[in-house]
Amino acid sequence: MSLHHRVPYKWLALSVTSLGALMASMNSGTLIIALPTLLRDLHTSLLSLIWVLLAYNVTQTVLVLNVGRLGDMYGRKRLYVLGFALFTLAALVAGFTGSVGLLIALRVLQGVGGAFMMANSSAIVTDAFPREELGLAIGTNQMMVAVGSILGPIVGGWLTSLGWQWVFWFNVPLGIVGTVWALATLREGGRGRDRRDRVDVWGNVTYAAGFALLMIGLSQGGIESWRGVTPYLLAGLAGLGAFLAIQTRVRAPMLDLRLFRDASFSLNNASVFLNSIARMALTFLFVFYFQGAQGIDAVVAGVLLAPVAVGLLIASPLAGRVADRADPLLLIRWGLALNTLALAGFALTLDLHTPYWLDAALMFLAGVGSGLFNSPNSSVIMGSVAPDRRGVAAGVRSLLMSVGGVVAIIFTLSIVVSNIPRDVMLEVFSGLASNLPASTLEPFVHGLREAFWMLAALSALSVVLALLTPRARPTPATSPVAAD
């Protein structure tokens, strides 16, 4: 008797996507905790170091929309399996390079694999589970993200003590298992779109070029200097403007703007964007607060970051289960409100001598808030579109999460570095600032508080959007958008 006959397919599909979520979230946490060590060992600039992190996010953001649509056209299994394999191969090679340029290129390849996985994960789960169990399934995936978020910084701190290369190599055995498991268990889904639809070539070109140029300009301006970046910014905005114009004219657009006719879909995705900024920035800023300003080693810093993920781990499956039985909008609103309170708490209390129990309590509150938000939000978005549009809908949500992560890193870092001299900045971001006097480090802490005030304001805006969001109407198998 085959495995599919012994175990219902929905649980097999969930096991595959959960393993992918675990690997991706651990990869993010381990790399962030290793950034100060990478800066010292590779003797690189802060801008190049940040692009080791950003290259993955930007590549994923550039590809994720089109990959979601390709999954609808050609089948999600093959793209998901290919994503696992590319991610694993890039991780293996990355540990052998001593060149920051090559490392950035390999992170781009990992981003390609991550996009193939991320854009199809929610659609695979939504295809496999009935609507009344969708919240539980997505909540389980979110729980694995939380587990990876807990393990990532802790494992990353330990791996960094062995050498930063192990931050990449640890992905290899997980990736091999995931690739084989996905190949053996997943069924081919998607293929609801006409394969004769042409790929939106000019849409892809203008979007990729516009977004990449805009991010290059913003990162260079925010971290080093705003001089000379205006051409990047103008070219990036022009590229994105051309992309939106093209999407209204082609037969098979890369981004189907008609999905945004639904107010619930639009406002829930806007909340995804704002929440992802807050969630990514929180971990990113505290890595440098613990290792830079307080001189804590990578292993202990990873443990100190755990309360965020513990809150996410507790809240995500509960929120997923409750969302199947109650109004998910209530959970979304409460989650965003708790996140806002936590961020405002950091802005009010953070300094060099803040007791850890207070930081931990606020981190836990932020984790619970994100846990309450993520599963119901994903369930509402995926349940509001027709089955043959789920790849595109998942791509839109993944796109906004990725953009939020990129924006979080660039803007929070630009706020922090604007307050401190360059020599102090390099000491802080190399994890070597603990011997500096408190008066020298105070501008850095002041910049952290400014960044948290900005994040709290954005999170408060997401609460307002959630309050304005109407209940999603169930979408039949053939929606007006699908029929078009």
Protein backbone atom coordinates (compact mmCIF):
# COMPACT_ATOMS: atom_id res chain seq x y z
CA MET A 1 0.00 0.00 0.00
CA SER A 2 1.43 3.39 -1.00
CA LEU A 3 2.07 6.24 1.40
CA HIS A 4 -0.79 8.24 -0.14
CA HIS A 5 -3.22 5.44 0.72
CA ARG A 6 -2.02 5.14 4.33
CA VAL A 7 -1.85 8.89 5.11
CA PRO A 8 -4.36 11.48 3.81
CA TYR A 9 -2.75 13.70 1.21
CA LYS A 10 -3.50 16.90 3.12
CA TRP A 11 -1.15 15.86 5.95
CA LEU A 12 1.59 14.91 3.52
CA ALA A 13 1.31 18.30 1.81
CA LEU A 14 1.36 20.05 5.19
CA SER A 15 4.47 18.13 6.26
CA VAL A 16 6.32 19.25 3.10
CA THR A 17 5.39 22.93 3.42
CA SER A 18 6.10 22.88 7.17
CA LEU A 19 9.61 21.54 6.55
CA GLY A 20 10.15 24.29 3.99
CA ALA A 21 8.88 26.93 6.42
CA LEU A 22 11.18 25.58 9.15
CA MET A 23 14.24 25.67 6.91
CA ALA A 24 13.52 29.16 5.56
CA SER A 25 12.87 30.70 8.98
CA MET A 26 15.95 29.07 10.52
CA ASN A 27 18.05 30.30 7.58
CA SER A 28 16.97 33.89 8.23
CA GLY A 29 17.62 33.75 11.98
CA THR A 30 21.01 32.06 11.73
CA LEU A 31 22.31 34.55 9.16
CA ILE A 32 21.16 37.63 11.07
CA ILE A 33 22.91 36.49 14.25
CA ALA A 34 26.11 35.86 12.22
CA LEU A 35 26.25 39.33 10.61
CA PRO A 36 28.77 40.86 13.06
CA THR A 37 31.10 37.87 12.54
CA LEU A 38 30.76 38.13 8.76
CA LEU A 39 31.63 41.84 8.91
CA ARG A 40 34.84 41.05 10.83
CA ASP A 41 35.93 37.90 8.95
CA LEU A 42 35.23 39.07 5.39
CA HIS A 43 36.66 42.58 6.02
CA THR A 44 33.79 44.09 4.07
CA SER A 45 31.79 47.31 4.25
CA LEU A 46 28.50 47.63 6.10
CA LEU A 47 26.68 48.20 2.79
CA SER A 48 28.09 44.96 1.30
CA LEU A 49 27.23 43.09 4.49
CA ILE A 50 23.63 44.29 4.36
CA TRP A 51 23.41 43.14 0.73
CA VAL A 52 24.40 39.62 1.82
CA LEU A 53 21.12 39.78 3.72
CA LEU A 54 19.15 41.83 1.18
CA ALA A 55 20.15 39.85 -1.93
CA TYR A 56 17.92 36.96 -0.84
CA ASN A 57 14.96 39.20 0.01
CA VAL A 58 15.21 41.36 -3.11
CA THR A 59 15.51 38.33 -5.43
CA GLN A 60 12.58 36.66 -3.75
CA THR A 61 10.56 39.86 -4.06
CA VAL A 62 11.39 40.25 -7.75
CA LEU A 63 10.40 36.67 -8.60
CA VAL A 64 7.62 35.75 -6.22
CA LEU A 65 4.71 37.22 -8.21
CA ASN A 66 5.62 35.57 -11.48
CA VAL A 67 6.44 32.26 -9.79
CA GLY A 68 2.96 32.22 -8.23
CA ARG A 69 1.43 32.70 -11.65
CA LEU A 70 3.71 30.05 -13.21
CA GLY A 71 2.59 27.66 -10.48
CA ASP A 72 -1.01 28.28 -11.54
CA MET A 73 -0.04 27.54 -15.16
CA TYR A 74 2.47 24.69 -14.99
CA GLY A 75 1.93 23.04 -11.61
CA ARG A 76 3.11 23.87 -8.12
CA LYS A 77 4.91 20.63 -7.27
CA ARG A 78 7.67 20.93 -9.85
CA LEU A 79 8.40 24.54 -8.88
CA TYR A 80 8.39 23.74 -5.17
CA VAL A 81 10.78 20.78 -5.62
CA LEU A 82 13.07 22.88 -7.83
CA GLY A 83 13.05 25.62 -5.18
CA PHE A 84 14.15 23.21 -2.45
CA ALA A 85 16.98 21.91 -4.66
CA LEU A 86 18.27 25.39 -5.66
CA PHE A 87 18.14 26.63 -2.06
CA THR A 88 20.16 23.62 -0.91
CA LEU A 89 22.78 23.83 -3.68
CA ALA A 90 23.39 27.55 -3.04
CA ALA A 91 23.77 26.93 0.71
CA LEU A 92 26.38 24.23 0.06
CA VAL A 93 28.51 26.41 -2.22
CA ALA A 94 28.14 29.57 -0.08
CA GLY A 95 30.13 28.05 2.77
CA PHE A 96 33.17 27.57 0.53
CA THR A 97 33.52 31.18 -0.65
CA GLY A 98 35.63 33.91 0.91
CA SER A 99 34.47 36.59 -1.52
CA VAL A 100 31.63 38.83 -0.44
CA GLY A 101 30.68 39.42 -4.09
CA LEU A 102 30.31 35.70 -4.78
CA LEU A 103 28.45 35.26 -1.50
CA ILE A 104 25.94 37.90 -2.58
CA ALA A 105 25.53 36.11 -5.93
CA LEU A 106 24.87 32.80 -4.15
CA ARG A 107 22.32 34.51 -1.93
CA VAL A 108 20.60 35.63 -5.14
CA LEU A 109 20.43 31.95 -6.19
CA GLN A 110 19.03 31.06 -2.77
CA GLY A 111 16.44 33.79 -3.30
CA VAL A 112 15.36 32.12 -6.54
CA GLY A 113 14.84 28.85 -4.67
CA GLY A 114 13.09 30.63 -1.81
CA ALA A 115 10.71 32.35 -4.24
CA PHE A 116 9.77 29.01 -5.85
CA MET A 117 8.95 27.62 -2.39
CA MET A 118 7.36 30.69 -0.81
CA ALA A 119 5.04 31.55 -3.69
CA ASN A 120 3.61 28.04 -3.90
CA SER A 121 3.49 26.99 -0.25
CA SER A 122 0.18 28.64 0.71
CA ALA A 123 -1.42 27.53 -2.57
CA ILE A 124 -0.34 23.90 -1.99
CA VAL A 125 -1.86 23.92 1.49
CA THR A 126 -5.04 25.64 0.29
CA ASP A 127 -5.44 23.06 -2.49
CA ALA A 128 -5.02 20.18 -0.04
CA PHE A 129 -7.29 21.27 2.84
CA PRO A 130 -11.04 21.95 2.96
CA ARG A 131 -11.95 25.53 3.71
CA GLU A 132 -13.11 24.77 7.26
CA GLU A 133 -9.65 23.38 8.16
CA LEU A 134 -7.59 25.96 6.30
CA GLY A 135 -6.89 28.12 9.36
CA LEU A 136 -5.54 25.11 11.27
CA ALA A 137 -3.28 24.15 8.37
CA ILE A 138 -1.87 27.64 7.86
CA GLY A 139 -1.53 28.01 11.63
CA THR A 140 0.59 24.84 11.68
CA ASN A 141 2.87 26.28 9.01
CA GLN A 142 3.14 29.47 11.04
CA MET A 143 3.98 27.39 14.10
CA MET A 144 6.91 25.87 12.20
CA VAL A 145 8.03 29.38 11.27
CA ALA A 146 7.98 30.17 15.00
CA VAL A 147 9.98 27.04 15.84
CA GLY A 148 12.52 28.02 13.18
CA SER A 149 12.60 31.55 14.55
CA ILE A 150 13.40 30.19 18.02
CA LEU A 151 16.02 27.73 16.81
CA GLY A 152 17.55 30.01 14.16
CA PRO A 153 19.30 32.58 16.39
CA ILE A 154 20.26 29.94 18.99
CA VAL A 155 21.62 27.47 16.44
CA GLY A 156 23.14 30.37 14.51
CA GLY A 157 25.02 31.59 17.55
CA TRP A 158 26.46 28.11 18.14
CA LEU A 159 27.28 27.58 14.45
CA THR A 160 28.96 30.99 14.25
CA SER A 161 31.31 29.90 17.03
CA LEU A 162 32.43 27.07 14.71
CA GLY A 163 32.78 29.40 11.73
CA TRP A 164 30.26 31.49 9.77
CA GLN A 165 30.35 28.90 6.95
CA TRP A 166 28.25 26.55 9.06
CA VAL A 167 25.42 29.08 9.01
CA PHE A 168 24.98 28.02 5.37
CA TRP A 169 26.04 24.37 5.54
CA PHE A 170 23.47 23.41 8.16
CA ASN A 171 20.78 23.92 5.48
CA VAL A 172 22.18 21.15 3.29
CA PRO A 173 20.86 18.02 5.08
CA LEU A 174 17.47 19.68 5.68
CA GLY A 175 17.33 20.70 2.03
CA ILE A 176 18.16 17.23 0.72
CA VAL A 177 15.45 15.65 2.89
CA GLY A 178 12.95 18.33 1.86
CA THR A 179 13.66 17.94 -1.85
CA VAL A 180 13.24 14.16 -1.78
CA TRP A 181 10.15 14.34 0.46
CA ALA A 182 8.45 16.95 -1.74
CA LEU A 183 9.21 14.93 -4.88
CA ALA A 184 7.78 11.76 -3.32
CA THR A 185 4.62 13.11 -1.69
CA LEU A 186 3.25 16.22 -3.42
CA ARG A 187 0.59 16.02 -6.10
CA GLU A 188 0.72 18.34 -9.05
CA GLY A 189 -1.60 21.29 -8.51
CA GLY A 190 -2.33 24.47 -10.39
CA ARG A 191 -2.59 24.28 -14.16
CA GLY A 192 -5.85 26.19 -14.03
CA ARG A 193 -4.53 28.83 -16.38
CA ASP A 194 -4.09 28.39 -20.10
CA ARG A 195 -0.51 27.33 -20.84
CA ARG A 196 -0.73 29.27 -24.07
CA ASP A 197 -0.78 32.48 -22.04
CA ARG A 198 2.40 34.30 -22.84
CA VAL A 199 4.78 35.15 -20.03
CA ASP A 200 4.59 38.89 -19.36
CA VAL A 201 8.18 39.60 -20.48
CA TRP A 202 8.08 43.40 -20.33
CA GLY A 203 6.21 43.31 -17.05
CA ASN A 204 8.94 41.10 -15.59
CA VAL A 205 11.75 43.28 -16.95
CA THR A 206 10.31 46.61 -15.77
CA TYR A 207 9.37 45.23 -12.36
CA ALA A 208 12.73 43.53 -11.72
CA ALA A 209 14.78 46.49 -12.92
CA GLY A 210 12.60 49.08 -11.18
CA PHE A 211 12.54 47.35 -7.81
CA ALA A 212 16.25 46.43 -7.83
CA LEU A 213 17.34 49.97 -8.77
CA LEU A 214 15.08 51.48 -6.13
CA MET A 215 16.49 49.20 -3.41
CA ILE A 216 20.09 49.89 -4.49
CA GLY A 217 19.47 53.63 -4.27
CA LEU A 218 17.70 53.45 -0.92
CA SER A 219 20.30 51.17 0.68
CA GLN A 220 23.26 53.20 -0.55
CA GLY A 221 21.62 56.46 0.49
CA GLY A 222 20.47 55.23 3.88
CA ILE A 223 23.73 53.54 4.89
CA GLU A 224 26.48 55.53 3.17
CA SER A 225 25.40 58.78 1.52
CA TRP A 226 22.45 60.21 -0.39
CA ARG A 227 24.81 61.87 -2.85
CA GLY A 228 24.64 60.34 -6.30
CA VAL A 229 21.69 58.04 -5.65
CA THR A 230 19.02 60.20 -7.30
CA PRO A 231 19.44 58.50 -10.73
CA TYR A 232 18.90 55.08 -9.10
CA LEU A 233 15.76 56.30 -7.34
CA LEU A 234 14.28 58.02 -10.41
CA ALA A 235 15.05 55.06 -12.69
CA GLY A 236 13.55 52.67 -10.13
CA LEU A 237 10.34 54.66 -9.79
CA ALA A 238 10.08 54.99 -13.58
CA GLY A 239 10.50 51.23 -13.96
CA LEU A 240 7.77 50.48 -11.41
CA GLY A 241 5.47 53.05 -13.02
CA ALA A 242 5.97 51.42 -16.41
CA PHE A 243 5.30 48.01 -14.82
CA LEU A 244 1.91 49.13 -13.46
CA ALA A 245 0.97 50.63 -16.82
CA ILE A 246 1.89 47.40 -18.63
CA GLN A 247 -0.21 45.33 -16.21
CA THR A 248 -3.39 47.10 -17.31
CA ARG A 249 -2.78 46.31 -20.98
CA VAL A 250 -1.46 42.75 -21.37
CA ARG A 251 -3.67 39.66 -21.74
CA ALA A 252 -1.92 37.62 -19.02
CA PRO A 253 -0.43 40.14 -16.58
CA MET A 254 2.25 39.26 -14.06
CA LEU A 255 0.20 41.04 -11.36
CA ASP A 256 -3.55 40.80 -11.85
CA LEU A 257 -4.65 44.22 -10.57
CA ARG A 258 -8.30 43.11 -10.70
CA LEU A 259 -7.75 41.16 -7.49
CA PHE A 260 -7.48 44.49 -5.70
CA ARG A 261 -11.07 45.37 -6.56
CA ASP A 262 -11.94 43.42 -3.41
CA ALA A 263 -11.50 45.74 -0.41
CA SER A 264 -10.87 42.86 1.98
CA PHE A 265 -8.08 41.48 -0.23
CA SER A 266 -6.46 44.91 -0.61
CA LEU A 267 -6.60 45.99 3.04
CA ASN A 268 -5.49 42.61 4.38
CA ASN A 269 -2.47 42.69 2.08
CA ALA A 270 -1.65 46.25 3.18
CA SER A 271 -1.64 44.97 6.77
CA VAL A 272 0.73 42.15 5.72
CA PHE A 273 3.19 44.72 4.38
CA LEU A 274 3.15 46.87 7.53
CA ASN A 275 3.34 43.90 9.89
CA SER A 276 6.29 42.37 8.05
CA ILE A 277 8.23 45.63 8.43
CA ALA A 278 7.72 45.55 12.19
CA ARG A 279 8.49 41.84 12.59
CA MET A 280 11.71 41.87 10.55
CA ALA A 281 12.99 45.12 12.05
CA LEU A 282 12.50 43.95 15.62
CA THR A 283 14.87 40.98 15.30
CA PHE A 284 17.33 42.90 13.13
CA LEU A 285 17.67 45.80 15.59
CA PHE A 286 18.00 43.62 18.67
CA VAL A 287 20.83 41.57 17.13
CA PHE A 288 22.98 44.70 17.05
CA TYR A 289 21.65 45.97 20.40
CA PHE A 290 22.69 42.74 22.15
CA GLN A 291 25.93 42.01 20.28
CA GLY A 292 26.97 45.57 19.50
CA ALA A 293 25.93 47.87 22.34
CA GLN A 294 25.94 45.27 25.12
CA GLY A 295 28.80 43.06 23.90
CA ILE A 296 26.91 39.79 24.31
CA ASP A 297 28.30 36.84 22.33
CA ALA A 298 26.34 35.32 19.44
CA VAL A 299 25.21 32.19 21.30
CA VAL A 300 23.69 34.10 24.24
CA ALA A 301 22.25 36.78 21.93
CA GLY A 302 20.41 34.07 20.03
CA VAL A 303 18.87 32.77 23.25
CA LEU A 304 17.88 36.30 24.32
CA LEU A 305 15.91 36.76 21.08
CA ALA A 306 13.78 33.67 21.75
CA PRO A 307 10.75 35.37 23.45
CA VAL A 308 9.53 36.77 20.11
CA ALA A 309 9.40 33.32 18.55
CA VAL A 310 7.97 31.71 21.70
CA GLY A 311 5.01 34.11 21.54
CA LEU A 312 4.60 33.30 17.84
CA LEU A 313 4.81 29.58 18.56
CA ILE A 314 2.07 29.73 21.20
CA ALA A 315 -0.30 32.05 19.36
CA SER A 316 -0.07 30.80 15.74
CA PRO A 317 -1.75 27.37 16.05
CA LEU A 318 -4.36 28.75 18.48
CA ALA A 319 -5.18 31.59 16.11
CA GLY A 320 -5.40 29.18 13.17
CA ARG A 321 -7.83 26.92 15.01
CA VAL A 322 -9.99 29.79 16.32
CA ALA A 323 -10.07 31.46 12.88
CA ASP A 324 -11.87 28.39 11.49
CA ARG A 325 -14.68 28.89 14.03
CA ALA A 326 -14.88 32.65 14.67
CA ASP A 327 -14.49 35.96 12.85
CA PRO A 328 -10.81 36.06 11.81
CA LEU A 329 -10.90 39.87 11.64
CA LEU A 330 -11.11 40.03 15.44
CA LEU A 331 -7.88 38.04 15.74
CA ILE A 332 -6.21 40.17 13.07
CA ARG A 333 -7.12 43.41 14.88
CA TRP A 334 -6.07 42.18 18.31
CA GLY A 335 -2.78 40.85 16.93
CA LEU A 336 -1.88 44.14 15.28
CA ALA A 337 -2.88 46.10 18.40
CA LEU A 338 -0.63 43.96 20.64
CA ASN A 339 2.24 44.40 18.20
CA THR A 340 1.78 48.18 18.30
CA LEU A 341 1.83 48.22 22.10
CA ALA A 342 5.06 46.20 22.16
CA LEU A 343 6.83 48.48 19.67
CA ALA A 344 5.75 51.60 21.56
CA GLY A 345 7.02 49.95 24.75
CA PHE A 346 10.48 49.52 23.23
CA ALA A 347 10.48 53.14 22.06
CA LEU A 348 9.69 54.33 25.61
CA THR A 349 11.96 52.06 27.67
CA LEU A 350 15.00 50.92 25.66
CA ASP A 351 18.42 52.07 26.85
CA LEU A 352 21.77 50.49 27.76
CA HIS A 353 20.51 49.49 31.21
CA THR A 354 16.98 48.29 30.46
CA PRO A 355 16.37 45.10 32.48
CA TYR A 356 16.17 42.07 30.23
CA TRP A 357 12.90 40.88 31.75
CA LEU A 358 11.21 44.00 30.36
CA ASP A 359 12.70 43.51 26.89
CA ALA A 360 11.69 39.84 27.01
CA ALA A 361 8.11 40.64 28.04
CA LEU A 362 7.73 43.12 25.18
CA MET A 363 9.31 40.67 22.71
CA PHE A 364 6.87 37.98 23.82
CA LEU A 365 3.95 40.41 23.40
CA ALA A 366 5.13 41.24 19.87
CA GLY A 367 5.41 37.53 19.06
CA VAL A 368 1.89 36.82 20.32
CA GLY A 369 0.61 39.75 18.25
CA SER A 370 2.22 38.44 15.07
CA GLY A 371 0.96 34.93 15.83
CA LEU A 372 -2.61 36.14 16.22
CA PHE A 373 -2.33 38.09 12.97
CA ASN A 374 -0.54 35.78 10.52
CA SER A 375 -2.73 32.68 10.29
CA PRO A 376 -6.14 34.41 10.10
CA ASN A 377 -4.77 36.98 7.66
CA SER A 378 -3.36 34.31 5.33
CA SER A 379 -6.54 32.24 5.62
CA VAL A 380 -8.75 35.24 4.72
CA ILE A 381 -6.61 36.22 1.74
CA MET A 382 -6.32 32.70 0.31
CA GLY A 383 -9.97 31.90 0.93
CA SER A 384 -11.19 35.03 -0.85
CA VAL A 385 -9.97 34.08 -4.33
CA ALA A 386 -10.93 31.34 -6.78
CA PRO A 387 -8.80 28.14 -6.78
CA ASP A 388 -7.10 29.00 -10.07
CA ARG A 389 -5.98 32.36 -8.67
CA ARG A 390 -4.48 31.06 -5.43
CA GLY A 391 -0.95 31.03 -6.80
CA VAL A 392 -1.26 34.70 -7.75
CA ALA A 393 -2.87 35.58 -4.40
CA ALA A 394 -0.12 33.74 -2.50
CA GLY A 395 2.41 35.55 -4.67
CA VAL A 396 0.94 38.95 -3.79
CA ARG A 397 1.04 38.17 -0.06
CA SER A 398 4.58 36.81 -0.31
CA LEU A 399 5.63 39.83 -2.36
CA LEU A 400 4.41 42.25 0.29
CA MET A 401 6.07 40.26 3.08
CA SER A 402 9.37 40.33 1.18
CA VAL A 403 9.13 44.03 0.36
CA GLY A 404 8.33 44.72 4.01
CA GLY A 405 11.44 42.82 5.10
CA VAL A 406 13.66 44.76 2.69
CA VAL A 407 12.15 48.11 3.70
CA ALA A 408 12.53 47.23 7.40
CA ILE A 409 16.28 46.62 7.07
CA ILE A 410 17.01 49.69 4.93
CA PHE A 411 14.95 52.28 6.77
CA THR A 412 15.60 51.20 10.35
CA LEU A 413 19.31 50.94 9.63
CA SER A 414 19.35 54.37 7.99
CA ILE A 415 17.69 55.88 11.08
CA VAL A 416 20.19 54.25 13.44
CA VAL A 417 23.38 55.05 11.50
CA SER A 418 22.37 58.68 11.01
CA ASN A 419 22.86 59.23 14.76
CA ILE A 420 26.40 57.88 15.19
CA PRO A 421 29.91 58.59 13.79
CA ARG A 422 31.16 56.11 11.22
CA ASP A 423 33.96 54.70 13.41
CA VAL A 424 31.50 54.04 16.25
CA MET A 425 29.03 52.56 13.75
CA LEU A 426 31.59 50.00 12.55
CA GLU A 427 32.45 49.07 16.13
CA VAL A 428 28.78 48.54 16.96
CA PHE A 429 27.94 46.50 13.87
CA SER A 430 31.10 44.40 14.27
CA GLY A 431 30.03 43.49 17.81
CA LEU A 432 33.09 45.22 19.31
CA ALA A 433 31.52 48.25 20.99
CA SER A 434 31.05 46.96 24.54
CA ASN A 435 34.26 48.65 25.76
CA LEU A 436 33.17 52.06 24.51
CA PRO A 437 31.88 54.53 27.14
CA ALA A 438 28.12 54.85 27.56
CA SER A 439 28.22 58.46 26.33
CA THR A 440 29.62 57.26 23.00
CA LEU A 441 26.95 54.59 22.62
CA GLU A 442 24.02 56.78 23.66
CA PRO A 443 23.45 58.12 20.09
CA PHE A 444 23.12 54.53 18.88
CA VAL A 445 20.49 53.76 21.52
CA HIS A 446 18.71 57.04 20.70
CA GLY A 447 18.59 55.90 17.06
CA LEU A 448 17.09 52.58 18.13
CA ARG A 449 14.32 54.39 20.02
CA GLU A 450 13.61 56.58 16.97
CA ALA A 451 13.39 53.48 14.80
CA PHE A 452 10.94 51.82 17.23
CA TRP A 453 8.75 54.95 17.26
CA MET A 454 8.57 54.78 13.46
CA LEU A 455 7.70 51.08 13.62
CA ALA A 456 5.02 51.72 16.24
CA ALA A 457 3.47 54.38 14.01
CA LEU A 458 3.37 52.02 11.02
CA SER A 459 1.88 49.28 13.19
CA ALA A 460 -0.78 51.68 14.46
CA LEU A 461 -1.65 52.45 10.84
CA SER A 462 -2.12 48.71 10.23
CA VAL A 463 -4.60 48.63 13.13
CA VAL A 464 -6.59 51.41 11.46
CA LEU A 465 -6.60 49.50 8.17
CA ALA A 466 -7.77 46.35 9.95
CA LEU A 467 -10.64 48.26 11.55
CA LEU A 468 -11.68 49.48 8.08
CA THR A 469 -11.45 45.99 6.51
CA PRO A 470 -14.82 44.42 5.64
CA ARG A 471 -15.45 40.73 6.05
CA ALA A 472 -14.29 38.73 3.05
CA ARG A 473 -17.00 37.19 0.92
CA PRO A 474 -16.46 33.50 0.07
CA THR A 475 -15.39 33.18 -3.54
CA PRO A 476 -16.93 30.43 -5.70
CA ALA A 477 -14.82 28.11 -7.78
CA THR A 478 -15.26 30.43 -10.75
CA SER A 479 -15.03 34.05 -9.74
CA PRO A 480 -15.51 37.06 -12.04
CA VAL A 481 -11.77 37.55 -12.05
CA ALA A 482 -11.16 33.92 -12.95
CA ALA A 483 -13.82 34.02 -15.63
CA ASP A 484 -12.10 37.01 -17.22
